Amino acid sequence: MDLKEYFRTIRETASSIETKFVIVVSKQTPDGGKAGGRTEVPRELAAKLIVDGMAELATKEQTEEFYQQQLQDKESADEQASRNRLQVAILSEADLRNWREPGKPDRK
């Protein structure tokens, strides 16, 4: 394939992709590429990967699964970050006494 044809094919493929970003699924390649990996990429890169035979567009179901997994991963990371956050409270002596012995009145 000559270069003009190659880049024309990439442009045509990119123009057929409706959204700015898409999910592609990798294919197994002779240079060690593994099949089944999903990634969100810009439409121009997706077109190049498709033309080069390195990936294909994800199906609607695969796309939904990808975004669902991304959402779960983000929630998990947010939860872990909140657990790792150090929380500090400054208490007066009276507050500390009331916290330790809630039934006793405050002595001033």
C-alpha atoms as a PDB file:
ATOM      1  CA  MET A   1       0.000   0.000   0.000  1.00  0.00           C
ATOM      2  CA  ASP A   2       1.418   3.388  -0.887  1.00  0.00           C
ATOM      3  CA  LEU A   3       1.454   6.206   1.661  1.00  0.00           C
ATOM      4  CA  LYS A   4      -1.302   8.258   0.015  1.00  0.00           C
ATOM      5  CA  GLU A   5      -3.633   5.257   0.041  1.00  0.00           C
ATOM      6  CA  TYR A   6      -2.658   4.404   3.626  1.00  0.00           C
ATOM      7  CA  PHE A   7      -3.422   7.868   4.993  1.00  0.00           C
ATOM      8  CA  ARG A   8      -6.587   8.178   2.883  1.00  0.00           C
ATOM      9  CA  THR A   9      -7.788   4.902   4.406  1.00  0.00           C
ATOM     10  CA  ILE A  10      -7.039   6.217   7.910  1.00  0.00           C
ATOM     11  CA  ARG A  11      -8.949   9.450   7.212  1.00  0.00           C
ATOM     12  CA  GLU A  12     -11.947   7.531   5.822  1.00  0.00           C
ATOM     13  CA  THR A  13     -11.962   5.202   8.807  1.00  0.00           C
ATOM     14  CA  ALA A  14     -11.729   8.152  11.212  1.00  0.00           C
ATOM     15  CA  SER A  15     -14.592   9.938   9.476  1.00  0.00           C
ATOM     16  CA  SER A  16     -16.769   6.837   9.881  1.00  0.00           C
ATOM     17  CA  ILE A  17     -16.315   6.929  13.661  1.00  0.00           C
ATOM     18  CA  GLU A  18     -19.078   9.061  15.151  1.00  0.00           C
ATOM     19  CA  THR A  19     -17.706  10.051  18.558  1.00  0.00           C
ATOM     20  CA  LYS A  20     -14.550  11.939  19.471  1.00  0.00           C
ATOM     21  CA  PHE A  21     -13.323   9.127  21.742  1.00  0.00           C
ATOM     22  CA  VAL A  22     -13.997   5.414  21.303  1.00  0.00           C
ATOM     23  CA  ILE A  23     -13.132   2.133  22.957  1.00  0.00           C
ATOM     24  CA  VAL A  24     -10.920  -0.201  20.936  1.00  0.00           C
ATOM     25  CA  VAL A  25     -10.176  -3.847  21.620  1.00  0.00           C
ATOM     26  CA  SER A  26      -6.651  -4.984  20.856  1.00  0.00           C
ATOM     27  CA  LYS A  27      -5.889  -7.906  18.562  1.00  0.00           C
ATOM     28  CA  GLN A  28      -3.057 -10.365  18.867  1.00  0.00           C
ATOM     29  CA  THR A  29      -0.159  -9.213  16.710  1.00  0.00           C
ATOM     30  CA  PRO A  30       3.059 -10.899  15.579  1.00  0.00           C
ATOM     31  CA  ASP A  31       5.142  -8.359  17.506  1.00  0.00           C
ATOM     32  CA  GLY A  32       3.711  -9.431  20.872  1.00  0.00           C
ATOM     33  CA  GLY A  33       0.433  -7.530  21.070  1.00  0.00           C
ATOM     34  CA  LYS A  34      -2.122  -9.273  23.283  1.00  0.00           C
ATOM     35  CA  ALA A  35      -5.735  -9.707  22.277  1.00  0.00           C
ATOM     36  CA  GLY A  36      -8.644  -8.422  24.328  1.00  0.00           C
ATOM     37  CA  GLY A  37      -7.224  -5.289  25.947  1.00  0.00           C
ATOM     38  CA  ARG A  38      -9.664  -2.398  25.971  1.00  0.00           C
ATOM     39  CA  THR A  39      -8.618   1.240  25.806  1.00  0.00           C
ATOM     40  CA  GLU A  40     -10.311   4.574  25.228  1.00  0.00           C
ATOM     41  CA  VAL A  41      -8.563   6.502  22.443  1.00  0.00           C
ATOM     42  CA  PRO A  42      -9.267   9.491  20.165  1.00  0.00           C
ATOM     43  CA  ARG A  43     -10.980   8.600  16.903  1.00  0.00           C
ATOM     44  CA  GLU A  44      -7.867   9.377  14.805  1.00  0.00           C
ATOM     45  CA  LEU A  45      -5.724   6.945  16.795  1.00  0.00           C
ATOM     46  CA  ALA A  46      -8.505   4.358  16.699  1.00  0.00           C
ATOM     47  CA  ALA A  47      -8.602   4.656  12.913  1.00  0.00           C
ATOM     48  CA  LYS A  48      -4.839   4.138  12.674  1.00  0.00           C
ATOM     49  CA  LEU A  49      -4.962   1.086  14.956  1.00  0.00           C
ATOM     50  CA  ILE A  50      -7.823  -0.385  12.932  1.00  0.00           C
ATOM     51  CA  VAL A  51      -6.101   0.190   9.583  1.00  0.00           C
ATOM     52  CA  ASP A  52      -2.857  -1.270  10.955  1.00  0.00           C
ATOM     53  CA  GLY A  53      -4.771  -4.373  12.094  1.00  0.00           C
ATOM     54  CA  MET A  54      -3.818  -3.878  15.728  1.00  0.00           C
ATOM     55  CA  ALA A  55      -7.311  -3.237  17.111  1.00  0.00           C
ATOM     56  CA  GLU A  56     -11.004  -3.173  16.334  1.00  0.00           C
ATOM     57  CA  LEU A  57     -13.848  -1.023  17.595  1.00  0.00           C
ATOM     58  CA  ALA A  58     -15.507  -2.362  20.723  1.00  0.00           C
ATOM     59  CA  THR A  59     -19.086  -3.513  20.536  1.00  0.00           C
ATOM     60  CA  LYS A  60     -21.774  -1.637  22.448  1.00  0.00           C
ATOM     61  CA  GLU A  61     -21.696  -4.288  25.192  1.00  0.00           C
ATOM     62  CA  GLN A  62     -17.896  -4.153  25.466  1.00  0.00           C
ATOM     63  CA  THR A  63     -18.041  -0.355  25.688  1.00  0.00           C
ATOM     64  CA  GLU A  64     -20.644  -0.476  28.469  1.00  0.00           C
ATOM     65  CA  GLU A  65     -18.571  -3.058  30.369  1.00  0.00           C
ATOM     66  CA  PHE A  66     -15.455  -0.896  29.979  1.00  0.00           C
ATOM     67  CA  TYR A  67     -17.133   2.223  31.379  1.00  0.00           C
ATOM     68  CA  GLN A  68     -18.774   0.227  34.187  1.00  0.00           C
ATOM     69  CA  GLN A  69     -15.374  -1.184  35.159  1.00  0.00           C
ATOM     70  CA  GLN A  70     -13.837   2.300  35.038  1.00  0.00           C
ATOM     71  CA  LEU A  71     -16.589   3.560  37.369  1.00  0.00           C
ATOM     72  CA  GLN A  72     -16.031   0.691  39.816  1.00  0.00           C
ATOM     73  CA  ASP A  73     -12.260   1.250  39.762  1.00  0.00           C
ATOM     74  CA  LYS A  74     -12.710   4.974  40.472  1.00  0.00           C
ATOM     75  CA  GLU A  75     -15.105   4.320  43.352  1.00  0.00           C
ATOM     76  CA  SER A  76     -12.663   1.805  44.808  1.00  0.00           C
ATOM     77  CA  ALA A  77      -9.753   4.251  44.495  1.00  0.00           C
ATOM     78  CA  ASP A  78     -11.809   7.055  46.085  1.00  0.00           C
ATOM     79  CA  GLU A  79     -12.756   4.758  48.960  1.00  0.00           C
ATOM     80  CA  GLN A  80      -9.133   3.759  49.488  1.00  0.00           C
ATOM     81  CA  ALA A  81      -8.027   7.397  49.394  1.00  0.00           C
ATOM     82  CA  SER A  82     -10.607   8.356  52.004  1.00  0.00           C
ATOM     83  CA  ARG A  83      -9.389   5.528  54.249  1.00  0.00           C
ATOM     84  CA  ASN A  84      -5.811   6.748  53.928  1.00  0.00           C
ATOM     85  CA  ARG A  85      -6.650  10.360  54.729  1.00  0.00           C
ATOM     86  CA  LEU A  86      -5.490  11.564  58.132  1.00  0.00           C
ATOM     87  CA  GLN A  87      -8.233  13.233  60.119  1.00  0.00           C
ATOM     88  CA  VAL A  88      -7.376  15.573  62.969  1.00  0.00           C
ATOM     89  CA  ALA A  89      -9.733  17.139  65.481  1.00  0.00           C
ATOM     90  CA  ILE A  90      -8.720  19.778  68.011  1.00  0.00           C
ATOM     91  CA  LEU A  91     -10.572  19.433  71.292  1.00  0.00           C
ATOM     92  CA  SER A  92     -10.592  21.607  74.355  1.00  0.00           C
ATOM     93  CA  GLU A  93      -9.973  19.963  77.743  1.00  0.00           C
ATOM     94  CA  ALA A  94     -13.678  20.211  78.524  1.00  0.00           C
ATOM     95  CA  ASP A  95     -14.627  18.548  75.253  1.00  0.00           C
ATOM     96  CA  LEU A  96     -12.111  15.797  75.907  1.00  0.00           C
ATOM     97  CA  ARG A  97     -13.495  15.186  79.418  1.00  0.00           C
ATOM     98  CA  ASN A  98     -17.040  15.087  78.071  1.00  0.00           C
ATOM     99  CA  TRP A  99     -15.973  12.686  75.385  1.00  0.00           C
ATOM    100  CA  ARG A 100     -14.248  10.361  77.879  1.00  0.00           C
ATOM    101  CA  GLU A 101     -16.940  10.624  80.568  1.00  0.00           C
ATOM    102  CA  PRO A 102     -20.210  11.625  78.890  1.00  0.00           C
ATOM    103  CA  GLY A 103     -22.341  11.327  82.057  1.00  0.00           C
ATOM    104  CA  LYS A 104     -20.338  13.688  84.262  1.00  0.00           C
ATOM    105  CA  PRO A 105     -20.975  17.440  84.150  1.00  0.00           C
ATOM    106  CA  ASP A 106     -18.202  19.753  83.036  1.00  0.00           C
ATOM    107  CA  ARG A 107     -16.143  21.195  85.936  1.00  0.00           C
ATOM    108  CA  LYS A 108     -14.938  24.712  85.396  1.00  0.00           C
END
